[in-house]
Amino acid sequence: MGKQTQEEERVTKAEVVDQVAAEADLSKNDAGEAVDAVLKVIEDALARGGEVNFTGFGKFTVAERGARQGVNPQTGEKIQISASKVPRFSAGSALKKSVKS
């Protein structure tokens, strides 16, 4: 596998769990449960139409996507895509600053 540049780096959930375990001096099992719990809280809040705000880091919200016309790529036929709700993340000022530097 080739060397990845900073722009190409990907971190898996397992790697996040490993890093949380190291940073918080937890077992990998406890860190895994903590990561799962945070993700579940975010998912549950969004499912209820709420939002989750981590000051400085960012905000998870639910956005409405309006109905629109699309094209079936196999047939070229125009199709109607119905309105839907999608999760959104908006980066906070501290995260934006960290990424820029």
PDB file of N, CA and C in Angstrom:
ATOM      1  N   MET A   1       0.849  -1.166   0.000  1.00  0.00           N
ATOM      2  CA  MET A   1       0.000   0.000   0.000  1.00  0.00           C
ATOM      3  C   MET A   1       0.893   1.227   0.000  1.00  0.00           C
ATOM      4  N   GLY A   2       0.548   2.223  -0.831  1.00  0.00           N
ATOM      5  CA  GLY A   2       1.358   3.421  -0.966  1.00  0.00           C
ATOM      6  C   GLY A   2       1.198   4.353   0.219  1.00  0.00           C
ATOM      7  N   LYS A   3       2.160   5.246   0.335  1.00  0.00           N
ATOM      8  CA  LYS A   3       2.136   6.229   1.408  1.00  0.00           C
ATOM      9  C   LYS A   3       1.028   7.247   1.137  1.00  0.00           C
ATOM     10  N   GLN A   4       0.231   7.557   2.167  1.00  0.00           N
ATOM     11  CA  GLN A   4      -0.859   8.508   2.010  1.00  0.00           C
ATOM     12  C   GLN A   4      -0.391   9.903   2.407  1.00  0.00           C
ATOM     13  N   THR A   5      -0.837  10.887   1.675  1.00  0.00           N
ATOM     14  CA  THR A   5      -0.567  12.271   2.062  1.00  0.00           C
ATOM     15  C   THR A   5      -1.587  12.675   3.112  1.00  0.00           C
ATOM     16  N   GLN A   6      -1.380  13.829   3.724  1.00  0.00           N
ATOM     17  CA  GLN A   6      -2.299  14.287   4.754  1.00  0.00           C
ATOM     18  C   GLN A   6      -3.715  14.423   4.203  1.00  0.00           C
ATOM     19  N   GLU A   7      -3.860  14.883   2.954  1.00  0.00           N
ATOM     20  CA  GLU A   7      -5.187  15.053   2.366  1.00  0.00           C
ATOM     21  C   GLU A   7      -5.887  13.720   2.144  1.00  0.00           C
ATOM     22  N   GLU A   8      -5.129  12.638   2.005  1.00  0.00           N
ATOM     23  CA  GLU A   8      -5.712  11.330   1.704  1.00  0.00           C
ATOM     24  C   GLU A   8      -5.933  10.477   2.952  1.00  0.00           C
ATOM     25  N   GLU A   9      -5.483  10.944   4.116  1.00  0.00           N
ATOM     26  CA  GLU A   9      -5.573  10.132   5.325  1.00  0.00           C
ATOM     27  C   GLU A   9      -7.024   9.859   5.696  1.00  0.00           C
ATOM     28  N   ARG A  10      -7.298   8.615   6.002  1.00  0.00           N
ATOM     29  CA  ARG A  10      -8.627   8.207   6.444  1.00  0.00           C
ATOM     30  C   ARG A  10      -8.461   7.516   7.798  1.00  0.00           C
ATOM     31  N   VAL A  11      -9.364   7.807   8.698  1.00  0.00           N
ATOM     32  CA  VAL A  11      -9.332   7.201  10.020  1.00  0.00           C
ATOM     33  C   VAL A  11     -10.599   6.368  10.180  1.00  0.00           C
ATOM     34  N   THR A  12     -10.428   5.109  10.507  1.00  0.00           N
ATOM     35  CA  THR A  12     -11.574   4.216  10.691  1.00  0.00           C
ATOM     36  C   THR A  12     -12.120   4.332  12.111  1.00  0.00           C
ATOM     37  N   LYS A  13     -13.293   3.779  12.322  1.00  0.00           N
ATOM     38  CA  LYS A  13     -13.889   3.777  13.655  1.00  0.00           C
ATOM     39  C   LYS A  13     -12.985   3.038  14.633  1.00  0.00           C
ATOM     40  N   ALA A  14     -12.404   1.928  14.201  1.00  0.00           N
ATOM     41  CA  ALA A  14     -11.510   1.155  15.072  1.00  0.00           C
ATOM     42  C   ALA A  14     -10.305   1.999  15.489  1.00  0.00           C
ATOM     43  N   GLU A  15      -9.793   2.813  14.574  1.00  0.00           N
ATOM     44  CA  GLU A  15      -8.661   3.683  14.908  1.00  0.00           C
ATOM     45  C   GLU A  15      -9.086   4.786  15.871  1.00  0.00           C
ATOM     46  N   VAL A  16     -10.300   5.296  15.709  1.00  0.00           N
ATOM     47  CA  VAL A  16     -10.819   6.291  16.648  1.00  0.00           C
ATOM     48  C   VAL A  16     -10.914   5.666  18.037  1.00  0.00           C
ATOM     49  N   VAL A  17     -11.430   4.450  18.113  1.00  0.00           N
ATOM     50  CA  VAL A  17     -11.550   3.750  19.396  1.00  0.00           C
ATOM     51  C   VAL A  17     -10.165   3.595  20.028  1.00  0.00           C
ATOM     52  N   ASP A  18      -9.176   3.181  19.236  1.00  0.00           N
ATOM     53  CA  ASP A  18      -7.809   3.036  19.751  1.00  0.00           C
ATOM     54  C   ASP A  18      -7.284   4.355  20.303  1.00  0.00           C
ATOM     55  N   GLN A  19      -7.523   5.444  19.580  1.00  0.00           N
ATOM     56  CA  GLN A  19      -7.032   6.751  20.020  1.00  0.00           C
ATOM     57  C   GLN A  19      -7.772   7.249  21.261  1.00  0.00           C
ATOM     58  N   VAL A  20      -9.071   7.012  21.335  1.00  0.00           N
ATOM     59  CA  VAL A  20      -9.835   7.391  22.528  1.00  0.00           C
ATOM     60  C   VAL A  20      -9.324   6.597  23.731  1.00  0.00           C
ATOM     61  N   ALA A  21      -9.084   5.316  23.530  1.00  0.00           N
ATOM     62  CA  ALA A  21      -8.560   4.480  24.619  1.00  0.00           C
ATOM     63  C   ALA A  21      -7.233   5.028  25.129  1.00  0.00           C
ATOM     64  N   ALA A  22      -6.357   5.403  24.225  1.00  0.00           N
ATOM     65  CA  ALA A  22      -5.043   5.928  24.619  1.00  0.00           C
ATOM     66  C   ALA A  22      -5.167   7.299  25.297  1.00  0.00           C
ATOM     67  N   GLU A  23      -5.969   8.199  24.706  1.00  0.00           N
ATOM     68  CA  GLU A  23      -6.109   9.564  25.241  1.00  0.00           C
ATOM     69  C   GLU A  23      -6.786   9.582  26.607  1.00  0.00           C
ATOM     70  N   ALA A  24      -7.785   8.729  26.811  1.00  0.00           N
ATOM     71  CA  ALA A  24      -8.576   8.753  28.044  1.00  0.00           C
ATOM     72  C   ALA A  24      -8.154   7.667  29.030  1.00  0.00           C
ATOM     73  N   ASP A  25      -7.089   6.933  28.700  1.00  0.00           N
ATOM     74  CA  ASP A  25      -6.598   5.842  29.550  1.00  0.00           C
ATOM     75  C   ASP A  25      -7.718   4.850  29.867  1.00  0.00           C
ATOM     76  N   LEU A  26      -8.390   4.402  28.807  1.00  0.00           N
ATOM     77  CA  LEU A  26      -9.470   3.427  28.917  1.00  0.00           C
ATOM     78  C   LEU A  26      -9.067   2.134  28.221  1.00  0.00           C
ATOM     79  N   SER A  27      -9.757   1.055  28.565  1.00  0.00           N
ATOM     80  CA  SER A  27      -9.570  -0.169  27.794  1.00  0.00           C
ATOM     81  C   SER A  27     -10.195   0.061  26.418  1.00  0.00           C
ATOM     82  N   LYS A  28      -9.770  -0.737  25.449  1.00  0.00           N
ATOM     83  CA  LYS A  28     -10.350  -0.603  24.109  1.00  0.00           C
ATOM     84  C   LYS A  28     -11.850  -0.898  24.145  1.00  0.00           C
ATOM     85  N   ASN A  29     -12.251  -1.852  24.988  1.00  0.00           N
ATOM     86  CA  ASN A  29     -13.669  -2.186  25.104  1.00  0.00           C
ATOM     87  C   ASN A  29     -14.468  -1.000  25.640  1.00  0.00           C
ATOM     88  N   ASP A  30     -13.970  -0.368  26.706  1.00  0.00           N
ATOM     89  CA  ASP A  30     -14.663   0.795  27.273  1.00  0.00           C
ATOM     90  C   ASP A  30     -14.687   1.956  26.287  1.00  0.00           C
ATOM     91  N   ALA A  31     -13.576   2.169  25.596  1.00  0.00           N
ATOM     92  CA  ALA A  31     -13.515   3.241  24.602  1.00  0.00           C
ATOM     93  C   ALA A  31     -14.501   2.965  23.464  1.00  0.00           C
ATOM     94  N   GLY A  32     -14.602   1.719  23.040  1.00  0.00           N
ATOM     95  CA  GLY A  32     -15.543   1.343  21.984  1.00  0.00           C
ATOM     96  C   GLY A  32     -16.975   1.603  22.403  1.00  0.00           C
ATOM     97  N   GLU A  33     -17.297   1.276  23.646  1.00  0.00           N
ATOM     98  CA  GLU A  33     -18.640   1.522  24.158  1.00  0.00           C
ATOM     99  C   GLU A  33     -18.920   3.024  24.239  1.00  0.00           C
ATOM    100  N   ALA A  34     -17.914   3.801  24.618  1.00  0.00           N
ATOM    101  CA  ALA A  34     -18.082   5.251  24.709  1.00  0.00           C
ATOM    102  C   ALA A  34     -18.314   5.857  23.323  1.00  0.00           C
ATOM    103  N   VAL A  35     -17.531   5.442  22.345  1.00  0.00           N
ATOM    104  CA  VAL A  35     -17.698   5.943  20.974  1.00  0.00           C
ATOM    105  C   VAL A  35     -19.078   5.558  20.450  1.00  0.00           C
ATOM    106  N   ASP A  36     -19.471   4.306  20.656  1.00  0.00           N
ATOM    107  CA  ASP A  36     -20.801   3.863  20.220  1.00  0.00           C
ATOM    108  C   ASP A  36     -21.906   4.679  20.887  1.00  0.00           C
ATOM    109  N   ALA A  37     -21.740   4.990  22.188  1.00  0.00           N
ATOM    110  CA  ALA A  37     -22.750   5.757  22.918  1.00  0.00           C
ATOM    111  C   ALA A  37     -22.875   7.174  22.348  1.00  0.00           C
ATOM    112  N   VAL A  38     -21.749   7.808  22.044  1.00  0.00           N
ATOM    113  CA  VAL A  38     -21.785   9.161  21.475  1.00  0.00           C
ATOM    114  C   VAL A  38     -22.484   9.137  20.117  1.00  0.00           C
ATOM    115  N   LEU A  39     -22.141   8.179  19.282  1.00  0.00           N
ATOM    116  CA  LEU A  39     -22.768   8.083  17.962  1.00  0.00           C
ATOM    117  C   LEU A  39     -24.273   7.830  18.083  1.00  0.00           C
ATOM    118  N   LYS A  40     -24.679   7.010  19.053  1.00  0.00           N
ATOM    119  CA  LYS A  40     -26.105   6.719  19.256  1.00  0.00           C
ATOM    120  C   LYS A  40     -26.854   7.961  19.716  1.00  0.00           C
ATOM    121  N   VAL A  41     -26.258   8.750  20.609  1.00  0.00           N
ATOM    122  CA  VAL A  41     -26.891   9.990  21.069  1.00  0.00           C
ATOM    123  C   VAL A  41     -27.105  10.941  19.895  1.00  0.00           C
ATOM    124  N   ILE A  42     -26.088  11.071  19.050  1.00  0.00           N
ATOM    125  CA  ILE A  42     -26.207  11.937  17.870  1.00  0.00           C
ATOM    126  C   ILE A  42     -27.301  11.418  16.948  1.00  0.00           C
ATOM    127  N   GLU A  43     -27.276  10.120  16.663  1.00  0.00           N
ATOM    128  CA  GLU A  43     -28.274   9.519  15.774  1.00  0.00           C
ATOM    129  C   GLU A  43     -29.691   9.695  16.319  1.00  0.00           C
ATOM    130  N   ASP A  44     -29.883   9.446  17.610  1.00  0.00           N
ATOM    131  CA  ASP A  44     -31.209   9.567  18.212  1.00  0.00           C
ATOM    132  C   ASP A  44     -31.718  11.011  18.163  1.00  0.00           C
ATOM    133  N   ALA A  45     -30.845  11.971  18.450  1.00  0.00           N
ATOM    134  CA  ALA A  45     -31.257  13.379  18.419  1.00  0.00           C
ATOM    135  C   ALA A  45     -31.665  13.791  17.007  1.00  0.00           C
ATOM    136  N   LEU A  46     -30.895  13.380  16.018  1.00  0.00           N
ATOM    137  CA  LEU A  46     -31.225  13.730  14.631  1.00  0.00           C
ATOM    138  C   LEU A  46     -32.505  13.037  14.183  1.00  0.00           C
ATOM    139  N   ALA A  47     -32.707  11.797  14.614  1.00  0.00           N
ATOM    140  CA  ALA A  47     -33.916  11.065  14.240  1.00  0.00           C
ATOM    141  C   ALA A  47     -35.171  11.765  14.772  1.00  0.00           C
ATOM    142  N   ARG A  48     -35.024  12.476  15.898  1.00  0.00           N
ATOM    143  CA  ARG A  48     -36.156  13.234  16.469  1.00  0.00           C
ATOM    144  C   ARG A  48     -36.260  14.629  15.860  1.00  0.00           C
ATOM    145  N   GLY A  49     -35.373  14.951  14.918  1.00  0.00           N
ATOM    146  CA  GLY A  49     -35.401  16.264  14.287  1.00  0.00           C
ATOM    147  C   GLY A  49     -34.619  17.322  15.042  1.00  0.00           C
ATOM    148  N   GLY A  50     -33.856  16.901  16.053  1.00  0.00           N
ATOM    149  CA  GLY A  50     -33.092  17.842  16.862  1.00  0.00           C
ATOM    150  C   GLY A  50     -31.719  18.121  16.268  1.00  0.00           C
ATOM    151  N   GLU A  51     -30.877  18.721  17.076  1.00  0.00           N
ATOM    152  CA  GLU A  51     -29.515  18.997  16.656  1.00  0.00           C
ATOM    153  C   GLU A  51     -28.572  18.708  17.817  1.00  0.00           C
ATOM    154  N   VAL A  52     -27.310  18.483  17.481  1.00  0.00           N
ATOM    155  CA  VAL A  52     -26.281  18.234  18.483  1.00  0.00           C
ATOM    156  C   VAL A  52     -25.160  19.223  18.223  1.00  0.00           C
ATOM    157  N   ASN A  53     -24.847  20.014  19.243  1.00  0.00           N
ATOM    158  CA  ASN A  53     -23.854  21.068  19.090  1.00  0.00           C
ATOM    159  C   ASN A  53     -22.666  20.826  20.014  1.00  0.00           C
ATOM    160  N   PHE A  54     -21.480  20.717  19.438  1.00  0.00           N
ATOM    161  CA  PHE A  54     -20.237  20.643  20.187  1.00  0.00           C
ATOM    162  C   PHE A  54     -19.546  21.992  19.985  1.00  0.00           C
ATOM    163  N   THR A  55     -19.642  22.874  20.958  1.00  0.00           N
ATOM    164  CA  THR A  55     -19.121  24.233  20.829  1.00  0.00           C
ATOM    165  C   THR A  55     -17.669  24.223  20.351  1.00  0.00           C
ATOM    166  N   GLY A  56     -17.428  24.968  19.284  1.00  0.00           N
ATOM    167  CA  GLY A  56     -16.091  25.060  18.714  1.00  0.00           C
ATOM    168  C   GLY A  56     -15.800  23.965  17.704  1.00  0.00           C
ATOM    169  N   PHE A  57     -16.396  22.798  17.888  1.00  0.00           N
ATOM    170  CA  PHE A  57     -16.154  21.674  16.979  1.00  0.00           C
ATOM    171  C   PHE A  57     -17.120  21.694  15.814  1.00  0.00           C
ATOM    172  N   GLY A  58     -18.419  21.751  16.115  1.00  0.00           N
ATOM    173  CA  GLY A  58     -19.404  21.787  15.044  1.00  0.00           C
ATOM    174  C   GLY A  58     -20.779  21.359  15.498  1.00  0.00           C
ATOM    175  N   LYS A  59     -21.698  21.388  14.543  1.00  0.00           N
ATOM    176  CA  LYS A  59     -23.094  21.096  14.849  1.00  0.00           C
ATOM    177  C   LYS A  59     -23.649  20.088  13.844  1.00  0.00           C
ATOM    178  N   PHE A  60     -24.339  19.086  14.373  1.00  0.00           N
ATOM    179  CA  PHE A  60     -25.056  18.114  13.554  1.00  0.00           C
ATOM    180  C   PHE A  60     -26.518  18.549  13.528  1.00  0.00           C
ATOM    181  N   THR A  61     -27.095  18.648  12.333  1.00  0.00           N
ATOM    182  CA  THR A  61     -28.489  19.052  12.178  1.00  0.00           C
ATOM    183  C   THR A  61     -29.162  18.175  11.129  1.00  0.00           C
ATOM    184  N   VAL A  62     -30.462  18.365  10.991  1.00  0.00           N
ATOM    185  CA  VAL A  62     -31.234  17.703   9.943  1.00  0.00           C
ATOM    186  C   VAL A  62     -31.660  18.778   8.952  1.00  0.00           C
ATOM    187  N   ALA A  63     -31.410  18.539   7.676  1.00  0.00           N
ATOM    188  CA  ALA A  63     -31.784  19.491   6.624  1.00  0.00           C
ATOM    189  C   ALA A  63     -32.854  18.864   5.737  1.00  0.00           C
ATOM    190  N   GLU A  64     -33.720  19.715   5.242  1.00  0.00           N
ATOM    191  CA  GLU A  64     -34.762  19.281   4.307  1.00  0.00           C
ATOM    192  C   GLU A  64     -34.227  19.432   2.885  1.00  0.00           C
ATOM    193  N   ARG A  65     -34.315  18.382   2.105  1.00  0.00           N
ATOM    194  CA  ARG A  65     -33.981  18.473   0.681  1.00  0.00           C
ATOM    195  C   ARG A  65     -35.307  18.479  -0.073  1.00  0.00           C
ATOM    196  N   GLY A  66     -35.500  19.492  -0.844  1.00  0.00           N
ATOM    197  CA  GLY A  66     -36.740  19.620  -1.591  1.00  0.00           C
ATOM    198  C   GLY A  66     -36.843  18.599  -2.707  1.00  0.00           C
ATOM    199  N   ALA A  67     -38.075  18.397  -3.173  1.00  0.00           N
ATOM    200  CA  ALA A  67     -38.297  17.517  -4.323  1.00  0.00           C
ATOM    201  C   ALA A  67     -37.597  18.142  -5.526  1.00  0.00           C
ATOM    202  N   ARG A  68     -37.090  17.297  -6.397  1.00  0.00           N
ATOM    203  CA  ARG A  68     -36.380  17.810  -7.567  1.00  0.00           C
ATOM    204  C   ARG A  68     -36.466  16.787  -8.691  1.00  0.00           C
ATOM    205  N   GLN A  69     -36.100  17.255  -9.860  1.00  0.00           N
ATOM    206  CA  GLN A  69     -36.110  16.358 -11.012  1.00  0.00           C
ATOM    207  C   GLN A  69     -34.699  15.818 -11.213  1.00  0.00           C
ATOM    208  N   GLY A  70     -34.616  14.540 -11.516  1.00  0.00           N
ATOM    209  CA  GLY A  70     -33.333  13.898 -11.775  1.00  0.00           C
ATOM    210  C   GLY A  70     -33.395  13.139 -13.085  1.00  0.00           C
ATOM    211  N   VAL A  71     -32.302  12.474 -13.400  1.00  0.00           N
ATOM    212  CA  VAL A  71     -32.218  11.692 -14.628  1.00  0.00           C
ATOM    213  C   VAL A  71     -31.718  10.296 -14.284  1.00  0.00           C
ATOM    214  N   ASN A  72     -32.431   9.285 -14.757  1.00  0.00           N
ATOM    215  CA  ASN A  72     -31.982   7.906 -14.596  1.00  0.00           C
ATOM    216  C   ASN A  72     -30.749   7.734 -15.472  1.00  0.00           C
ATOM    217  N   PRO A  73     -29.575   7.439 -14.885  1.00  0.00           N
ATOM    218  CA  PRO A  73     -28.352   7.360 -15.677  1.00  0.00           C
ATOM    219  C   PRO A  73     -28.338   6.190 -16.674  1.00  0.00           C
ATOM    220  N   GLN A  74     -29.146   5.169 -16.416  1.00  0.00           N
ATOM    221  CA  GLN A  74     -29.174   4.024 -17.330  1.00  0.00           C
ATOM    222  C   GLN A  74     -30.037   4.277 -18.563  1.00  0.00           C
ATOM    223  N   THR A  75     -31.136   5.020 -18.359  1.00  0.00           N
ATOM    224  CA  THR A  75     -32.069   5.208 -19.474  1.00  0.00           C
ATOM    225  C   THR A  75     -32.114   6.636 -19.993  1.00  0.00           C
ATOM    226  N   GLY A  76     -31.610   7.583 -19.199  1.00  0.00           N
ATOM    227  CA  GLY A  76     -31.699   8.981 -19.591  1.00  0.00           C
ATOM    228  C   GLY A  76     -33.072   9.572 -19.322  1.00  0.00           C
ATOM    229  N   GLU A  77     -33.988   8.765 -18.797  1.00  0.00           N
ATOM    230  CA  GLU A  77     -35.349   9.198 -18.521  1.00  0.00           C
ATOM    231  C   GLU A  77     -35.377  10.157 -17.337  1.00  0.00           C
ATOM    232  N   LYS A  78     -36.172  11.218 -17.445  1.00  0.00           N
ATOM    233  CA  LYS A  78     -36.330  12.155 -16.336  1.00  0.00           C
ATOM    234  C   LYS A  78     -37.203  11.514 -15.276  1.00  0.00           C
ATOM    235  N   ILE A  79     -36.790  11.664 -14.016  1.00  0.00           N
ATOM    236  CA  ILE A  79     -37.538  11.095 -12.899  1.00  0.00           C
ATOM    237  C   ILE A  79     -37.732  12.168 -11.839  1.00  0.00           C
ATOM    238  N   GLN A  80     -38.762  12.006 -11.030  1.00  0.00           N
ATOM    239  CA  GLN A  80     -39.025  12.919  -9.929  1.00  0.00           C
ATOM    240  C   GLN A  80     -38.425  12.322  -8.656  1.00  0.00           C
ATOM    241  N   ILE A  81     -37.574  13.083  -7.990  1.00  0.00           N
ATOM    242  CA  ILE A  81     -36.991  12.658  -6.723  1.00  0.00           C
ATOM    243  C   ILE A  81     -37.755  13.378  -5.623  1.00  0.00           C
ATOM    244  N   SER A  82     -38.330  12.601  -4.707  1.00  0.00           N
ATOM    245  CA  SER A  82     -39.165  13.198  -3.666  1.00  0.00           C
ATOM    246  C   SER A  82     -38.320  13.906  -2.606  1.00  0.00           C
ATOM    247  N   ALA A  83     -38.989  14.772  -1.862  1.00  0.00           N
ATOM    248  CA  ALA A  83     -38.333  15.500  -0.774  1.00  0.00           C
ATOM    249  C   ALA A  83     -37.851  14.500   0.281  1.00  0.00           C
ATOM    250  N   SER A  84     -36.784  14.864   0.981  1.00  0.00           N
ATOM    251  CA  SER A  84     -36.268  13.984   2.024  1.00  0.00           C
ATOM    252  C   SER A  84     -35.531  14.795   3.075  1.00  0.00           C
ATOM    253  N   LYS A  85     -35.242  14.161   4.183  1.00  0.00           N
ATOM    254  CA  LYS A  85     -34.453  14.766   5.250  1.00  0.00           C
ATOM    255  C   LYS A  85     -33.077  14.105   5.230  1.00  0.00           C
ATOM    256  N   VAL A  86     -32.034  14.919   5.404  1.00  0.00           N
ATOM    257  CA  VAL A  86     -30.663  14.396   5.393  1.00  0.00           C
ATOM    258  C   VAL A  86     -29.882  14.980   6.569  1.00  0.00           C
ATOM    259  N   PRO A  87     -28.951  14.198   7.125  1.00  0.00           N
ATOM    260  CA  PRO A  87     -28.117  14.749   8.192  1.00  0.00           C
ATOM    261  C   PRO A  87     -27.089  15.707   7.615  1.00  0.00           C
ATOM    262  N   ARG A  88     -26.776  16.755   8.374  1.00  0.00           N
ATOM    263  CA  ARG A  88     -25.769  17.733   7.955  1.00  0.00           C
ATOM    264  C   ARG A  88     -24.813  17.978   9.101  1.00  0.00           C
ATOM    265  N   PHE A  89     -23.583  18.299   8.762  1.00  0.00           N
ATOM    266  CA  PHE A  89     -22.600  18.712   9.761  1.00  0.00           C
ATOM    267  C   PHE A  89     -22.035  20.052   9.339  1.00  0.00           C
ATOM    268  N   SER A  90     -22.008  20.977  10.268  1.00  0.00           N
ATOM    269  CA  SER A  90     -21.433  22.292  10.019  1.00  0.00           C
ATOM    270  C   SER A  90     -20.263  22.464  10.984  1.00  0.00           C
ATOM    271  N   ALA A  91     -19.068  22.648  10.450  1.00  0.00           N
ATOM    272  CA  ALA A  91     -17.873  22.756  11.280  1.00  0.00           C
ATOM    273  C   ALA A  91     -17.883  24.048  12.088  1.00  0.00           C
ATOM    274  N   GLY A  92     -17.427  23.954  13.328  1.00  0.00           N
ATOM    275  CA  GLY A  92     -17.321  25.110  14.199  1.00  0.00           C
ATOM    276  C   GLY A  92     -16.031  25.879  13.945  1.00  0.00           C
ATOM    277  N   SER A  93     -15.925  27.044  14.556  1.00  0.00           N
ATOM    278  CA  SER A  93     -14.787  27.935  14.302  1.00  0.00           C
ATOM    279  C   SER A  93     -13.447  27.313  14.703  1.00  0.00           C
ATOM    280  N   ALA A  94     -13.387  26.621  15.839  1.00  0.00           N
ATOM    281  CA  ALA A  94     -12.119  26.022  16.273  1.00  0.00           C
ATOM    282  C   ALA A  94     -11.676  24.918  15.314  1.00  0.00           C
ATOM    283  N   LEU A  95     -12.622  24.114  14.846  1.00  0.00           N
ATOM    284  CA  LEU A  95     -12.285  23.049  13.898  1.00  0.00           C
ATOM    285  C   LEU A  95     -11.819  23.645  12.579  1.00  0.00           C
ATOM    286  N   LYS A  96     -12.516  24.669  12.092  1.00  0.00           N
ATOM    287  CA  LYS A  96     -12.111  25.320  10.841  1.00  0.00           C
ATOM    288  C   LYS A  96     -10.701  25.883  10.961  1.00  0.00           C
ATOM    289  N   LYS A  97     -10.418  26.523  12.086  1.00  0.00           N
ATOM    290  CA  LYS A  97      -9.090  27.110  12.306  1.00  0.00           C
ATOM    291  C   LYS A  97      -8.023  26.017  12.339  1.00  0.00           C
ATOM    292  N   SER A  98      -8.318  24.912  12.991  1.00  0.00           N
ATOM    293  CA  SER A  98      -7.373  23.806  13.088  1.00  0.00           C
ATOM    294  C   SER A  98      -7.060  23.204  11.724  1.00  0.00           C
ATOM    295  N   VAL A  99      -8.084  23.083  10.887  1.00  0.00           N
ATOM    296  CA  VAL A  99      -7.908  22.494   9.559  1.00  0.00           C
ATOM    297  C   VAL A  99      -7.107  23.425   8.647  1.00  0.00           C
ATOM    298  N   LYS A 100      -7.331  24.734   8.789  1.00  0.00           N
ATOM    299  CA  LYS A 100      -6.642  25.711   7.947  1.00  0.00           C
ATOM    300  C   LYS A 100      -5.144  25.775   8.230  1.00  0.00           C
ATOM    301  N   SER A 101      -4.737  25.505   9.484  1.00  0.00           N
ATOM    302  CA  SER A 101      -3.315  25.649   9.814  1.00  0.00           C
ATOM    303  C   SER A 101      -2.501  24.421   9.527  1.00  0.00           C
TER     304      SER A 101
END
